[in-house]
Amino acid sequence: MCRGSTTHRVNGQSLVLRAGELLLLGQNARQSIAPAGAEDIAVNIILRPSFLADTLPLWGEEETPLRRFILSCLSGQSESGWLLFHVGDLLCIQNLLENLVDSLLRESPNRQTVLRLSVSLLFAQLLQHTHRAELSTETQNLLLTALGYIETRYADGSLSDLARAQHYEISTLSRLIRRQTGRSYTELVQEKRLSQAAWLLRNTQKHVDEIAALVGYENRSYFHRLFAARFGCSPRQYRICK
């Protein structure tokens, strides 16, 4: 939304999109828009699945549950089918949106490359601000909060702390996470930790034991066993091969 506001009806739910906010709709979302005022300006951008697939490798190297969840919303596989990002006050995202719109309006020889890079940078930023996102149901919002918590607190967070912060019983939150993702909280944390460890091995020269501690494993031998089971080799071998 560039200026003013518009009212949308998405999957039977009313949403108000205000200046600077971003509404992402999945392929199967059903939407209608109420008449807008003369001063209300919005830009509608349609991304082909192939275009989205081309930009995916540039979102970041980690394959995380949070990233998969956002992709499921955009692809229409999620029951929600939409994401509303309240990011009107975030200059980094506003600049990216302005550059994206500017690239769409200008013809240039490298236009497609610029568009792909702009979209990739935009999604990379949105993944850092999922606490600003809103979904269609309380359950989906809670799941997004849980995945965002794992994304940032994988090294020292706990299910009990998350449940307390969200005013939920631990058992209730645990069942919700497993029902929605097919995995337990512990399994999702382990996936994130190992993914982050692999990224650090590829992109830094930190010692393997230091990396294990950074991602939340005090027991080094346990970290080595988990890593080998996940990637089929030891952390040192992974660093050499990658």
C-alpha atoms as a PDB file:
ATOM      1  CA  MET A   1       0.000   0.000   0.000  1.00  0.00           C
ATOM      2  CA  CYS A   2       1.672   3.207  -1.188  1.00  0.00           C
ATOM      3  CA  ARG A   3      -0.723   5.770   0.254  1.00  0.00           C
ATOM      4  CA  GLY A   4      -4.023   5.843   2.130  1.00  0.00           C
ATOM      5  CA  SER A   5      -5.737   2.526   2.810  1.00  0.00           C
ATOM      6  CA  THR A   6      -7.860  -0.153   1.191  1.00  0.00           C
ATOM      7  CA  THR A   7     -10.279  -2.696   2.635  1.00  0.00           C
ATOM      8  CA  HIS A   8      -9.914  -6.274   1.439  1.00  0.00           C
ATOM      9  CA  ARG A   9     -12.114  -9.314   1.890  1.00  0.00           C
ATOM     10  CA  VAL A  10      -9.838 -12.345   1.883  1.00  0.00           C
ATOM     11  CA  ASN A  11     -11.230 -15.836   2.384  1.00  0.00           C
ATOM     12  CA  GLY A  12     -14.268 -14.291   4.053  1.00  0.00           C
ATOM     13  CA  GLN A  13     -12.256 -12.118   6.451  1.00  0.00           C
ATOM     14  CA  SER A  14     -12.076  -8.309   6.319  1.00  0.00           C
ATOM     15  CA  LEU A  15      -8.594  -6.744   6.298  1.00  0.00           C
ATOM     16  CA  VAL A  16      -7.551  -3.086   6.213  1.00  0.00           C
ATOM     17  CA  LEU A  17      -4.290  -2.454   4.386  1.00  0.00           C
ATOM     18  CA  ARG A  18      -2.617   0.811   5.428  1.00  0.00           C
ATOM     19  CA  ALA A  19       0.232   2.838   3.935  1.00  0.00           C
ATOM     20  CA  GLY A  20       3.488   0.900   3.838  1.00  0.00           C
ATOM     21  CA  GLU A  21       1.906  -2.443   4.697  1.00  0.00           C
ATOM     22  CA  LEU A  22       2.274  -5.531   2.555  1.00  0.00           C
ATOM     23  CA  LEU A  23      -0.388  -8.169   1.916  1.00  0.00           C
ATOM     24  CA  LEU A  24       0.844 -11.461   0.455  1.00  0.00           C
ATOM     25  CA  LEU A  25      -1.812 -13.705  -1.064  1.00  0.00           C
ATOM     26  CA  GLY A  26      -1.424 -17.370  -1.915  1.00  0.00           C
ATOM     27  CA  GLN A  27      -2.588 -18.771  -5.233  1.00  0.00           C
ATOM     28  CA  ASN A  28      -5.821 -20.130  -3.766  1.00  0.00           C
ATOM     29  CA  ALA A  29      -6.801 -17.079  -1.715  1.00  0.00           C
ATOM     30  CA  ARG A  30     -10.174 -15.539  -2.578  1.00  0.00           C
ATOM     31  CA  GLN A  31     -10.074 -11.756  -2.513  1.00  0.00           C
ATOM     32  CA  SER A  32     -12.300  -8.760  -3.204  1.00  0.00           C
ATOM     33  CA  ILE A  33     -11.466  -5.082  -2.640  1.00  0.00           C
ATOM     34  CA  ALA A  34     -13.891  -2.392  -1.522  1.00  0.00           C
ATOM     35  CA  PRO A  35     -14.000   0.842  -3.549  1.00  0.00           C
ATOM     36  CA  ALA A  36     -11.001   3.038  -2.731  1.00  0.00           C
ATOM     37  CA  GLY A  37     -10.780   6.805  -2.388  1.00  0.00           C
ATOM     38  CA  ALA A  38      -9.168   9.164  -4.870  1.00  0.00           C
ATOM     39  CA  GLU A  39      -6.077   9.505  -2.660  1.00  0.00           C
ATOM     40  CA  ASP A  40      -5.639   5.778  -1.989  1.00  0.00           C
ATOM     41  CA  ILE A  41      -2.826   4.247  -4.044  1.00  0.00           C
ATOM     42  CA  ALA A  42      -1.921   0.572  -4.005  1.00  0.00           C
ATOM     43  CA  VAL A  43       0.236  -1.581  -6.276  1.00  0.00           C
ATOM     44  CA  ASN A  44      -0.753  -5.145  -7.121  1.00  0.00           C
ATOM     45  CA  ILE A  45       2.179  -7.371  -8.102  1.00  0.00           C
ATOM     46  CA  ILE A  46       1.596 -10.901  -9.406  1.00  0.00           C
ATOM     47  CA  LEU A  47       4.513 -13.329  -9.109  1.00  0.00           C
ATOM     48  CA  ARG A  48       4.496 -16.472 -11.208  1.00  0.00           C
ATOM     49  CA  PRO A  49       5.435 -19.651  -9.288  1.00  0.00           C
ATOM     50  CA  SER A  50       8.456 -20.062 -11.563  1.00  0.00           C
ATOM     51  CA  PHE A  51       9.642 -16.544 -10.713  1.00  0.00           C
ATOM     52  CA  LEU A  52       9.266 -17.263  -7.008  1.00  0.00           C
ATOM     53  CA  ALA A  53      11.192 -20.525  -7.410  1.00  0.00           C
ATOM     54  CA  ASP A  54      14.016 -18.691  -9.201  1.00  0.00           C
ATOM     55  CA  THR A  55      14.384 -16.214  -6.336  1.00  0.00           C
ATOM     56  CA  LEU A  56      14.196 -18.833  -3.566  1.00  0.00           C
ATOM     57  CA  PRO A  57      17.944 -19.655  -3.493  1.00  0.00           C
ATOM     58  CA  LEU A  58      18.641 -15.982  -2.824  1.00  0.00           C
ATOM     59  CA  TRP A  59      16.395 -15.766   0.255  1.00  0.00           C
ATOM     60  CA  GLY A  60      19.175 -17.276   2.311  1.00  0.00           C
ATOM     61  CA  GLU A  61      20.966 -20.589   2.498  1.00  0.00           C
ATOM     62  CA  GLU A  62      19.140 -22.060   5.476  1.00  0.00           C
ATOM     63  CA  GLU A  63      16.197 -24.381   4.916  1.00  0.00           C
ATOM     64  CA  THR A  64      14.138 -23.625   8.013  1.00  0.00           C
ATOM     65  CA  PRO A  65      10.584 -24.458   9.156  1.00  0.00           C
ATOM     66  CA  LEU A  66       9.726 -20.752   9.109  1.00  0.00           C
ATOM     67  CA  ARG A  67      10.780 -20.385   5.491  1.00  0.00           C
ATOM     68  CA  ARG A  68       8.802 -23.479   4.486  1.00  0.00           C
ATOM     69  CA  PHE A  69       5.753 -22.145   6.310  1.00  0.00           C
ATOM     70  CA  ILE A  70       5.832 -18.827   4.447  1.00  0.00           C
ATOM     71  CA  LEU A  71       6.287 -20.683   1.159  1.00  0.00           C
ATOM     72  CA  SER A  72       3.282 -22.877   1.958  1.00  0.00           C
ATOM     73  CA  CYS A  73       1.177 -19.735   2.505  1.00  0.00           C
ATOM     74  CA  LEU A  74       2.288 -18.263  -0.809  1.00  0.00           C
ATOM     75  CA  SER A  75       1.779 -21.506  -2.717  1.00  0.00           C
ATOM     76  CA  GLY A  76      -1.737 -21.984  -1.360  1.00  0.00           C
ATOM     77  CA  GLN A  77      -0.845 -25.148   0.563  1.00  0.00           C
ATOM     78  CA  SER A  78      -1.497 -23.460   3.908  1.00  0.00           C
ATOM     79  CA  GLU A  79      -5.044 -23.216   5.219  1.00  0.00           C
ATOM     80  CA  SER A  80      -4.541 -19.454   5.660  1.00  0.00           C
ATOM     81  CA  GLY A  81      -3.319 -18.510   2.189  1.00  0.00           C
ATOM     82  CA  TRP A  82      -2.349 -14.984   3.170  1.00  0.00           C
ATOM     83  CA  LEU A  83       0.134 -12.988   5.226  1.00  0.00           C
ATOM     84  CA  LEU A  84      -0.294  -9.350   6.246  1.00  0.00           C
ATOM     85  CA  PHE A  85       2.967  -7.639   7.204  1.00  0.00           C
ATOM     86  CA  HIS A  86       2.657  -4.506   9.362  1.00  0.00           C
ATOM     87  CA  VAL A  87       5.941  -2.983   8.195  1.00  0.00           C
ATOM     88  CA  GLY A  88       4.954   0.586   7.335  1.00  0.00           C
ATOM     89  CA  ASP A  89       7.529   1.979   9.778  1.00  0.00           C
ATOM     90  CA  LEU A  90      10.466  -0.169   8.638  1.00  0.00           C
ATOM     91  CA  LEU A  91      12.616   1.930   6.319  1.00  0.00           C
ATOM     92  CA  CYS A  92      14.636  -1.028   5.031  1.00  0.00           C
ATOM     93  CA  ILE A  93      11.515  -2.743   3.695  1.00  0.00           C
ATOM     94  CA  GLN A  94       9.950   0.485   2.411  1.00  0.00           C
ATOM     95  CA  ASN A  95      13.093   1.203   0.388  1.00  0.00           C
ATOM     96  CA  LEU A  96      13.012  -2.280  -1.112  1.00  0.00           C
ATOM     97  CA  LEU A  97       9.343  -1.908  -2.047  1.00  0.00           C
ATOM     98  CA  GLU A  98      10.010   1.466  -3.706  1.00  0.00           C
ATOM     99  CA  ASN A  99      12.934   0.004  -5.663  1.00  0.00           C
ATOM    100  CA  LEU A 100      10.778  -2.936  -6.729  1.00  0.00           C
ATOM    101  CA  VAL A 101       7.977  -0.691  -8.005  1.00  0.00           C
ATOM    102  CA  ASP A 102      10.510   1.552  -9.744  1.00  0.00           C
ATOM    103  CA  SER A 103      12.047  -1.471 -11.480  1.00  0.00           C
ATOM    104  CA  LEU A 104       8.607  -2.580 -12.661  1.00  0.00           C
ATOM    105  CA  LEU A 105       7.948   0.828 -14.218  1.00  0.00           C
ATOM    106  CA  ARG A 106      11.308   1.168 -15.965  1.00  0.00           C
ATOM    107  CA  GLU A 107      12.392  -0.759 -19.046  1.00  0.00           C
ATOM    108  CA  SER A 108      16.037  -1.792 -18.902  1.00  0.00           C
ATOM    109  CA  PRO A 109      18.191  -4.595 -20.360  1.00  0.00           C
ATOM    110  CA  ASN A 110      18.768  -6.157 -16.924  1.00  0.00           C
ATOM    111  CA  ARG A 111      15.240  -5.632 -15.631  1.00  0.00           C
ATOM    112  CA  GLN A 112      14.516  -9.285 -14.812  1.00  0.00           C
ATOM    113  CA  THR A 113      17.751  -9.626 -12.863  1.00  0.00           C
ATOM    114  CA  VAL A 114      17.012  -6.496 -10.850  1.00  0.00           C
ATOM    115  CA  LEU A 115      13.470  -7.702 -10.138  1.00  0.00           C
ATOM    116  CA  ARG A 116      14.668 -11.096  -8.935  1.00  0.00           C
ATOM    117  CA  LEU A 117      17.247  -9.525  -6.662  1.00  0.00           C
ATOM    118  CA  SER A 118      14.721  -7.021  -5.319  1.00  0.00           C
ATOM    119  CA  VAL A 119      12.154  -9.737  -4.544  1.00  0.00           C
ATOM    120  CA  SER A 120      14.824 -11.923  -2.941  1.00  0.00           C
ATOM    121  CA  LEU A 121      16.042  -9.108  -0.703  1.00  0.00           C
ATOM    122  CA  LEU A 122      12.454  -8.259   0.214  1.00  0.00           C
ATOM    123  CA  PHE A 123      11.653 -11.792   1.349  1.00  0.00           C
ATOM    124  CA  ALA A 124      14.975 -12.060   3.180  1.00  0.00           C
ATOM    125  CA  GLN A 125      13.992  -8.961   5.155  1.00  0.00           C
ATOM    126  CA  LEU A 126      10.446 -10.184   5.777  1.00  0.00           C
ATOM    127  CA  LEU A 127      11.841 -13.396   7.238  1.00  0.00           C
ATOM    128  CA  GLN A 128      13.633 -11.231   9.789  1.00  0.00           C
ATOM    129  CA  HIS A 129      10.394  -9.487  10.782  1.00  0.00           C
ATOM    130  CA  THR A 130       7.846 -12.278  11.050  1.00  0.00           C
ATOM    131  CA  HIS A 131       6.741 -10.858  14.408  1.00  0.00           C
ATOM    132  CA  ARG A 132       5.128  -8.124  12.272  1.00  0.00           C
ATOM    133  CA  ALA A 133       3.064 -10.662  10.301  1.00  0.00           C
ATOM    134  CA  GLU A 134      -0.617 -11.475  10.767  1.00  0.00           C
ATOM    135  CA  LEU A 135      -2.455 -14.602   9.615  1.00  0.00           C
ATOM    136  CA  SER A 136      -6.097 -15.551   9.301  1.00  0.00           C
ATOM    137  CA  THR A 137      -6.601 -17.472  12.545  1.00  0.00           C
ATOM    138  CA  GLU A 138      -5.333 -17.379  16.111  1.00  0.00           C
ATOM    139  CA  THR A 139      -3.875 -20.853  15.624  1.00  0.00           C
ATOM    140  CA  GLN A 140      -1.911 -19.828  12.556  1.00  0.00           C
ATOM    141  CA  ASN A 141      -0.701 -16.649  14.258  1.00  0.00           C
ATOM    142  CA  LEU A 142       0.477 -18.659  17.253  1.00  0.00           C
ATOM    143  CA  LEU A 143       2.298 -21.098  14.973  1.00  0.00           C
ATOM    144  CA  LEU A 144       4.033 -18.240  13.163  1.00  0.00           C
ATOM    145  CA  THR A 145       5.050 -16.798  16.544  1.00  0.00           C
ATOM    146  CA  ALA A 146       6.442 -20.174  17.607  1.00  0.00           C
ATOM    147  CA  LEU A 147       8.419 -20.605  14.385  1.00  0.00           C
ATOM    148  CA  GLY A 148       9.764 -17.066  14.681  1.00  0.00           C
ATOM    149  CA  TYR A 149      10.803 -17.804  18.274  1.00  0.00           C
ATOM    150  CA  ILE A 150      12.685 -20.919  17.154  1.00  0.00           C
ATOM    151  CA  GLU A 151      14.331 -18.903  14.382  1.00  0.00           C
ATOM    152  CA  THR A 152      15.822 -16.406  16.845  1.00  0.00           C
ATOM    153  CA  ARG A 153      16.059 -18.324  20.137  1.00  0.00           C
ATOM    154  CA  TYR A 154      17.132 -21.755  18.888  1.00  0.00           C
ATOM    155  CA  ALA A 155      20.291 -21.685  21.019  1.00  0.00           C
ATOM    156  CA  ASP A 156      18.756 -20.825  24.398  1.00  0.00           C
ATOM    157  CA  GLY A 157      14.959 -20.740  24.095  1.00  0.00           C
ATOM    158  CA  SER A 158      12.590 -23.277  25.594  1.00  0.00           C
ATOM    159  CA  LEU A 159       9.051 -24.441  25.002  1.00  0.00           C
ATOM    160  CA  SER A 160       8.134 -23.536  28.584  1.00  0.00           C
ATOM    161  CA  ASP A 161       9.338 -19.932  28.122  1.00  0.00           C
ATOM    162  CA  LEU A 162       7.455 -19.640  24.834  1.00  0.00           C
ATOM    163  CA  ALA A 163       4.270 -21.089  26.345  1.00  0.00           C
ATOM    164  CA  ARG A 164       4.515 -18.716  29.296  1.00  0.00           C
ATOM    165  CA  ALA A 165       5.003 -15.685  27.035  1.00  0.00           C
ATOM    166  CA  GLN A 166       1.981 -16.667  24.911  1.00  0.00           C
ATOM    167  CA  HIS A 167      -0.162 -17.579  27.964  1.00  0.00           C
ATOM    168  CA  TYR A 168      -0.598 -21.195  26.842  1.00  0.00           C
ATOM    169  CA  GLU A 169      -0.235 -24.495  28.602  1.00  0.00           C
ATOM    170  CA  ILE A 170       2.954 -26.266  27.511  1.00  0.00           C
ATOM    171  CA  SER A 171       1.040 -29.404  26.516  1.00  0.00           C
ATOM    172  CA  THR A 172      -1.460 -27.391  24.427  1.00  0.00           C
ATOM    173  CA  LEU A 173       1.255 -25.495  22.593  1.00  0.00           C
ATOM    174  CA  SER A 174       3.256 -28.678  22.040  1.00  0.00           C
ATOM    175  CA  ARG A 175       0.256 -30.433  20.451  1.00  0.00           C
ATOM    176  CA  LEU A 176      -0.502 -27.427  18.240  1.00  0.00           C
ATOM    177  CA  ILE A 177       3.070 -27.282  16.918  1.00  0.00           C
ATOM    178  CA  ARG A 178       3.127 -31.006  16.143  1.00  0.00           C
ATOM    179  CA  ARG A 179      -0.331 -30.936  14.540  1.00  0.00           C
ATOM    180  CA  GLN A 180       0.538 -27.989  12.302  1.00  0.00           C
ATOM    181  CA  THR A 181       4.103 -28.957  11.330  1.00  0.00           C
ATOM    182  CA  GLY A 182       4.226 -32.734  11.786  1.00  0.00           C
ATOM    183  CA  ARG A 183       7.210 -32.304  14.136  1.00  0.00           C
ATOM    184  CA  SER A 184       7.757 -31.639  17.808  1.00  0.00           C
ATOM    185  CA  TYR A 185       9.175 -28.405  19.186  1.00  0.00           C
ATOM    186  CA  THR A 186      12.434 -30.227  20.003  1.00  0.00           C
ATOM    187  CA  GLU A 187      12.704 -31.592  16.457  1.00  0.00           C
ATOM    188  CA  LEU A 188      12.179 -28.127  14.958  1.00  0.00           C
ATOM    189  CA  VAL A 189      14.814 -26.623  17.257  1.00  0.00           C
ATOM    190  CA  GLN A 190      17.262 -29.378  16.338  1.00  0.00           C
ATOM    191  CA  GLU A 191      16.609 -28.783  12.642  1.00  0.00           C
ATOM    192  CA  LYS A 192      17.301 -25.071  13.047  1.00  0.00           C
ATOM    193  CA  ARG A 193      20.431 -25.632  15.149  1.00  0.00           C
ATOM    194  CA  LEU A 194      21.966 -28.061  12.680  1.00  0.00           C
ATOM    195  CA  SER A 195      21.039 -25.855   9.729  1.00  0.00           C
ATOM    196  CA  GLN A 196      22.693 -22.878  11.415  1.00  0.00           C
ATOM    197  CA  ALA A 197      25.760 -24.969  12.284  1.00  0.00           C
ATOM    198  CA  ALA A 198      26.094 -25.988   8.634  1.00  0.00           C
ATOM    199  CA  TRP A 199      25.833 -22.345   7.576  1.00  0.00           C
ATOM    200  CA  LEU A 200      28.566 -21.345  10.039  1.00  0.00           C
ATOM    201  CA  LEU A 201      30.804 -24.150   8.801  1.00  0.00           C
ATOM    202  CA  ARG A 202      30.398 -22.971   5.225  1.00  0.00           C
ATOM    203  CA  ASN A 203      30.744 -19.263   5.847  1.00  0.00           C
ATOM    204  CA  THR A 204      33.082 -18.806   8.827  1.00  0.00           C
ATOM    205  CA  GLN A 205      36.375 -20.143  10.104  1.00  0.00           C
ATOM    206  CA  LYS A 206      35.093 -20.678  13.645  1.00  0.00           C
ATOM    207  CA  HIS A 207      36.243 -23.832  15.406  1.00  0.00           C
ATOM    208  CA  VAL A 208      33.773 -26.705  15.319  1.00  0.00           C
ATOM    209  CA  ASP A 209      33.462 -26.773  19.111  1.00  0.00           C
ATOM    210  CA  GLU A 210      32.745 -23.028  19.134  1.00  0.00           C
ATOM    211  CA  ILE A 211      30.039 -23.510  16.522  1.00  0.00           C
ATOM    212  CA  ALA A 212      28.470 -26.293  18.590  1.00  0.00           C
ATOM    213  CA  ALA A 213      28.273 -23.958  21.593  1.00  0.00           C
ATOM    214  CA  LEU A 214      26.931 -21.069  19.510  1.00  0.00           C
ATOM    215  CA  VAL A 215      24.001 -23.109  18.206  1.00  0.00           C
ATOM    216  CA  GLY A 216      23.129 -24.447  21.670  1.00  0.00           C
ATOM    217  CA  TYR A 217      24.984 -27.747  22.160  1.00  0.00           C
ATOM    218  CA  GLU A 218      27.104 -27.970  25.306  1.00  0.00           C
ATOM    219  CA  ASN A 219      27.793 -31.660  24.745  1.00  0.00           C
ATOM    220  CA  ARG A 220      30.208 -31.700  21.795  1.00  0.00           C
ATOM    221  CA  SER A 221      30.021 -35.436  21.149  1.00  0.00           C
ATOM    222  CA  TYR A 222      26.216 -35.246  21.042  1.00  0.00           C
ATOM    223  CA  PHE A 223      26.465 -32.420  18.506  1.00  0.00           C
ATOM    224  CA  HIS A 224      28.832 -34.496  16.337  1.00  0.00           C
ATOM    225  CA  ARG A 225      26.447 -37.491  16.400  1.00  0.00           C
ATOM    226  CA  LEU A 226      23.447 -35.368  15.450  1.00  0.00           C
ATOM    227  CA  PHE A 227      25.343 -33.576  12.700  1.00  0.00           C
ATOM    228  CA  ALA A 228      26.623 -36.818  11.191  1.00  0.00           C
ATOM    229  CA  ALA A 229      23.127 -38.316  11.249  1.00  0.00           C
ATOM    230  CA  ARG A 230      21.713 -35.227   9.501  1.00  0.00           C
ATOM    231  CA  PHE A 231      24.414 -34.596   6.871  1.00  0.00           C
ATOM    232  CA  GLY A 232      26.108 -37.977   6.528  1.00  0.00           C
ATOM    233  CA  CYS A 233      29.540 -36.745   7.577  1.00  0.00           C
ATOM    234  CA  SER A 234      31.341 -35.074  10.452  1.00  0.00           C
ATOM    235  CA  PRO A 235      31.338 -31.266  10.791  1.00  0.00           C
ATOM    236  CA  ARG A 236      35.005 -31.108   9.720  1.00  0.00           C
ATOM    237  CA  GLN A 237      34.362 -33.256   6.651  1.00  0.00           C
ATOM    238  CA  TYR A 238      31.331 -31.116   5.803  1.00  0.00           C
ATOM    239  CA  ARG A 239      33.469 -27.968   5.930  1.00  0.00           C
ATOM    240  CA  ILE A 240      36.040 -29.472   3.577  1.00  0.00           C
ATOM    241  CA  CYS A 241      33.474 -30.809   1.082  1.00  0.00           C
ATOM    242  CA  LYS A 242      31.291 -27.687   1.012  1.00  0.00           C
END
